[in-house]
Amino acid sequence: MRALIAAATGLAVALVLVFTITAMGTPSGGTSPKPLLTTVPAHP
C-alpha cells in the first residue's frame, strides 16, 4: 500500500511540475547565431 501511495505522490508532483513549467511559457530571449561545436578535436 505504501508503494501505491508513493507512486501516486510522485505522479502528482511530476504533473504539478509540468503544469508549472507550461504555465510559465517559453523563456524570453533569442538563440545564439553561433553553431554548436559538433566535431571532435584532433588527437595529439
PDB file of N, CA and C in Angstrom:
ATOM      1  N   MET A   1       0.830  -1.204   0.000  1.00  0.00           N
ATOM      2  CA  MET A   1       0.000   0.000   0.000  1.00  0.00           C
ATOM      3  C   MET A   1       0.871   1.263   0.000  1.00  0.00           C
ATOM      4  N   ARG A   2       1.988   1.213   0.726  1.00  0.00           N
ATOM      5  CA  ARG A   2       2.861   2.386   0.769  1.00  0.00           C
ATOM      6  C   ARG A   2       3.462   2.678  -0.596  1.00  0.00           C
ATOM      7  N   ALA A   3       3.726   1.615  -1.373  1.00  0.00           N
ATOM      8  CA  ALA A   3       4.277   1.814  -2.717  1.00  0.00           C
ATOM      9  C   ALA A   3       3.270   2.520  -3.616  1.00  0.00           C
ATOM     10  N   LEU A   4       2.018   2.171  -3.469  1.00  0.00           N
ATOM     11  CA  LEU A   4       0.963   2.810  -4.270  1.00  0.00           C
ATOM     12  C   LEU A   4       0.837   4.288  -3.918  1.00  0.00           C
ATOM     13  N   ILE A   5       0.905   4.594  -2.636  1.00  0.00           N
ATOM     14  CA  ILE A   5       0.835   5.992  -2.188  1.00  0.00           C
ATOM     15  C   ILE A   5       2.051   6.772  -2.688  1.00  0.00           C
ATOM     16  N   ALA A   6       3.223   6.148  -2.629  1.00  0.00           N
ATOM     17  CA  ALA A   6       4.433   6.814  -3.102  1.00  0.00           C
ATOM     18  C   ALA A   6       4.370   7.058  -4.605  1.00  0.00           C
ATOM     19  N   ALA A   7       3.838   6.096  -5.356  1.00  0.00           N
ATOM     20  CA  ALA A   7       3.717   6.273  -6.802  1.00  0.00           C
ATOM     21  C   ALA A   7       2.728   7.388  -7.134  1.00  0.00           C
ATOM     22  N   ALA A   8       1.620   7.431  -6.433  1.00  0.00           N
ATOM     23  CA  ALA A   8       0.621   8.477  -6.672  1.00  0.00           C
ATOM     24  C   ALA A   8       1.179   9.855  -6.310  1.00  0.00           C
ATOM     25  N   THR A   9       1.932   9.921  -5.228  1.00  0.00           N
ATOM     26  CA  THR A   9       2.534  11.194  -4.824  1.00  0.00           C
ATOM     27  C   THR A   9       3.556  11.654  -5.860  1.00  0.00           C
ATOM     28  N   GLY A  10       4.383  10.735  -6.326  1.00  0.00           N
ATOM     29  CA  GLY A  10       5.372  11.077  -7.350  1.00  0.00           C
ATOM     30  C   GLY A  10       4.727  11.552  -8.632  1.00  0.00           C
ATOM     31  N   LEU A  11       3.649  10.886  -9.032  1.00  0.00           N
ATOM     32  CA  LEU A  11       2.933  11.287 -10.245  1.00  0.00           C
ATOM     33  C   LEU A  11       2.323  12.677 -10.074  1.00  0.00           C
ATOM     34  N   ALA A  12       1.757  12.943  -8.907  1.00  0.00           N
ATOM     35  CA  ALA A  12       1.164  14.255  -8.652  1.00  0.00           C
ATOM     36  C   ALA A  12       2.220  15.356  -8.682  1.00  0.00           C
ATOM     37  N   VAL A  13       3.371  15.096  -8.082  1.00  0.00           N
ATOM     38  CA  VAL A  13       4.452  16.087  -8.086  1.00  0.00           C
ATOM     39  C   VAL A  13       4.946  16.331  -9.508  1.00  0.00           C
ATOM     40  N   ALA A  14       5.072  15.263 -10.294  1.00  0.00           N
ATOM     41  CA  ALA A  14       5.525  15.415 -11.683  1.00  0.00           C
ATOM     42  C   ALA A  14       4.521  16.229 -12.496  1.00  0.00           C
ATOM     43  N   LEU A  15       3.250  15.972 -12.307  1.00  0.00           N
ATOM     44  CA  LEU A  15       2.230  16.722 -13.052  1.00  0.00           C
ATOM     45  C   LEU A  15       2.222  18.198 -12.651  1.00  0.00           C
ATOM     46  N   VAL A  16       2.367  18.471 -11.365  1.00  0.00           N
ATOM     47  CA  VAL A  16       2.421  19.865 -10.908  1.00  0.00           C
ATOM     48  C   VAL A  16       3.625  20.568 -11.521  1.00  0.00           C
ATOM     49  N   LEU A  17       4.756  19.872 -11.581  1.00  0.00           N
ATOM     50  CA  LEU A  17       5.966  20.450 -12.168  1.00  0.00           C
ATOM     51  C   LEU A  17       5.748  20.762 -13.645  1.00  0.00           C
ATOM     52  N   VAL A  18       5.157  19.824 -14.370  1.00  0.00           N
ATOM     53  CA  VAL A  18       4.907  20.030 -15.807  1.00  0.00           C
ATOM     54  C   VAL A  18       3.954  21.198 -16.023  1.00  0.00           C
ATOM     55  N   PHE A  19       2.872  21.251 -15.237  1.00  0.00           N
ATOM     56  CA  PHE A  19       1.908  22.341 -15.411  1.00  0.00           C
ATOM     57  C   PHE A  19       2.508  23.689 -15.020  1.00  0.00           C
ATOM     58  N   THR A  20       3.370  23.710 -14.034  1.00  0.00           N
ATOM     59  CA  THR A  20       4.021  24.955 -13.635  1.00  0.00           C
ATOM     60  C   THR A  20       4.937  25.460 -14.744  1.00  0.00           C
ATOM     61  N   ILE A  21       5.735  24.565 -15.313  1.00  0.00           N
ATOM     62  CA  ILE A  21       6.641  24.965 -16.394  1.00  0.00           C
ATOM     63  C   ILE A  21       5.848  25.402 -17.620  1.00  0.00           C
ATOM     64  N   THR A  22       4.755  24.701 -17.897  1.00  0.00           N
ATOM     65  CA  THR A  22       3.922  25.067 -19.048  1.00  0.00           C
ATOM     66  C   THR A  22       3.271  26.434 -18.832  1.00  0.00           C
ATOM     67  N   ALA A  23       2.835  26.713 -17.623  1.00  0.00           N
ATOM     68  CA  ALA A  23       2.181  27.991 -17.332  1.00  0.00           C
ATOM     69  C   ALA A  23       3.160  29.150 -17.451  1.00  0.00           C
ATOM     70  N   MET A  24       4.426  28.909 -17.141  1.00  0.00           N
ATOM     71  CA  MET A  24       5.423  29.980 -17.234  1.00  0.00           C
ATOM     72  C   MET A  24       5.707  30.336 -18.689  1.00  0.00           C
ATOM     73  N   GLY A  25       5.490  29.419 -19.598  1.00  0.00           N
ATOM     74  CA  GLY A  25       5.691  29.699 -21.018  1.00  0.00           C
ATOM     75  C   GLY A  25       7.145  29.591 -21.419  1.00  0.00           C
ATOM     76  N   THR A  26       7.391  29.916 -22.672  1.00  0.00           N
ATOM     77  CA  THR A  26       8.753  29.842 -23.182  1.00  0.00           C
ATOM     78  C   THR A  26       9.562  31.014 -22.648  1.00  0.00           C
ATOM     79  N   PRO A  27      10.811  30.818 -22.341  1.00  0.00           N
ATOM     80  CA  PRO A  27      11.625  31.923 -21.836  1.00  0.00           C
ATOM     81  C   PRO A  27      11.882  32.961 -22.916  1.00  0.00           C
ATOM     82  N   SER A  28      11.948  34.207 -22.498  1.00  0.00           N
ATOM     83  CA  SER A  28      12.213  35.269 -23.453  1.00  0.00           C
ATOM     84  C   SER A  28      13.693  35.286 -23.803  1.00  0.00           C
ATOM     85  N   GLY A  29      13.990  35.770 -24.972  1.00  0.00           N
ATOM     86  CA  GLY A  29      15.385  35.810 -25.401  1.00  0.00           C
ATOM     87  C   GLY A  29      15.557  35.017 -26.682  1.00  0.00           C
ATOM     88  N   GLY A  30      16.647  35.256 -27.347  1.00  0.00           N
ATOM     89  CA  GLY A  30      16.892  34.591 -28.615  1.00  0.00           C
ATOM     90  C   GLY A  30      17.928  33.494 -28.495  1.00  0.00           C
ATOM     91  N   THR A  31      18.070  32.788 -29.569  1.00  0.00           N
ATOM     92  CA  THR A  31      19.089  31.751 -29.600  1.00  0.00           C
ATOM     93  C   THR A  31      20.383  32.328 -30.151  1.00  0.00           C
ATOM     94  N   SER A  32      21.462  31.677 -29.874  1.00  0.00           N
ATOM     95  CA  SER A  32      22.760  32.143 -30.329  1.00  0.00           C
ATOM     96  C   SER A  32      22.921  31.883 -31.822  1.00  0.00           C
ATOM     97  N   PRO A  33      23.444  32.849 -32.579  1.00  0.00           N
ATOM     98  CA  PRO A  33      23.652  32.618 -34.005  1.00  0.00           C
ATOM     99  C   PRO A  33      24.825  31.681 -34.284  1.00  0.00           C
ATOM    100  N   LYS A  34      25.683  31.493 -33.288  1.00  0.00           N
ATOM    101  CA  LYS A  34      26.839  30.622 -33.488  1.00  0.00           C
ATOM    102  C   LYS A  34      26.410  29.158 -33.410  1.00  0.00           C
ATOM    103  N   PRO A  35      26.880  28.335 -34.338  1.00  0.00           N
ATOM    104  CA  PRO A  35      26.515  26.913 -34.256  1.00  0.00           C
ATOM    105  C   PRO A  35      27.292  26.212 -33.138  1.00  0.00           C
ATOM    106  N   LEU A  36      26.723  25.131 -32.664  1.00  0.00           N
ATOM    107  CA  LEU A  36      27.404  24.371 -31.622  1.00  0.00           C
ATOM    108  C   LEU A  36      28.579  23.610 -32.213  1.00  0.00           C
ATOM    109  N   LEU A  37      29.577  23.409 -31.391  1.00  0.00           N
ATOM    110  CA  LEU A  37      30.755  22.673 -31.829  1.00  0.00           C
ATOM    111  C   LEU A  37      30.410  21.177 -31.823  1.00  0.00           C
ATOM    112  N   THR A  38      30.370  20.582 -33.017  1.00  0.00           N
ATOM    113  CA  THR A  38      29.958  19.179 -33.115  1.00  0.00           C
ATOM    114  C   THR A  38      31.094  18.263 -33.540  1.00  0.00           C
ATOM    115  N   THR A  39      32.246  18.810 -33.865  1.00  0.00           N
ATOM    116  CA  THR A  39      33.350  17.969 -34.300  1.00  0.00           C
ATOM    117  C   THR A  39      34.272  17.676 -33.125  1.00  0.00           C
ATOM    118  N   VAL A  40      34.918  16.544 -33.172  1.00  0.00           N
ATOM    119  CA  VAL A  40      35.859  16.156 -32.129  1.00  0.00           C
ATOM    120  C   VAL A  40      37.217  16.719 -32.492  1.00  0.00           C
ATOM    121  N   PRO A  41      37.898  17.369 -31.548  1.00  0.00           N
ATOM    122  CA  PRO A  41      39.225  17.912 -31.880  1.00  0.00           C
ATOM    123  C   PRO A  41      40.213  16.781 -32.204  1.00  0.00           C
ATOM    124  N   ALA A  42      41.198  17.118 -32.987  1.00  0.00           N
ATOM    125  CA  ALA A  42      42.200  16.117 -33.394  1.00  0.00           C
ATOM    126  C   ALA A  42      43.011  15.678 -32.186  1.00  0.00           C
ATOM    127  N   HIS A  43      43.345  14.401 -32.180  1.00  0.00           N
ATOM    128  CA  HIS A  43      44.155  13.868 -31.089  1.00  0.00           C
ATOM    129  C   HIS A  43      45.621  14.242 -31.295  1.00  0.00           C
ATOM    130  N   PRO A  44      46.311  14.547 -30.219  1.00  0.00           N
ATOM    131  CA  PRO A  44      47.723  14.929 -30.352  1.00  0.00           C
ATOM    132  C   PRO A  44      48.612  13.751 -30.744  1.00  0.00           C
TER     133      PRO A  44
END
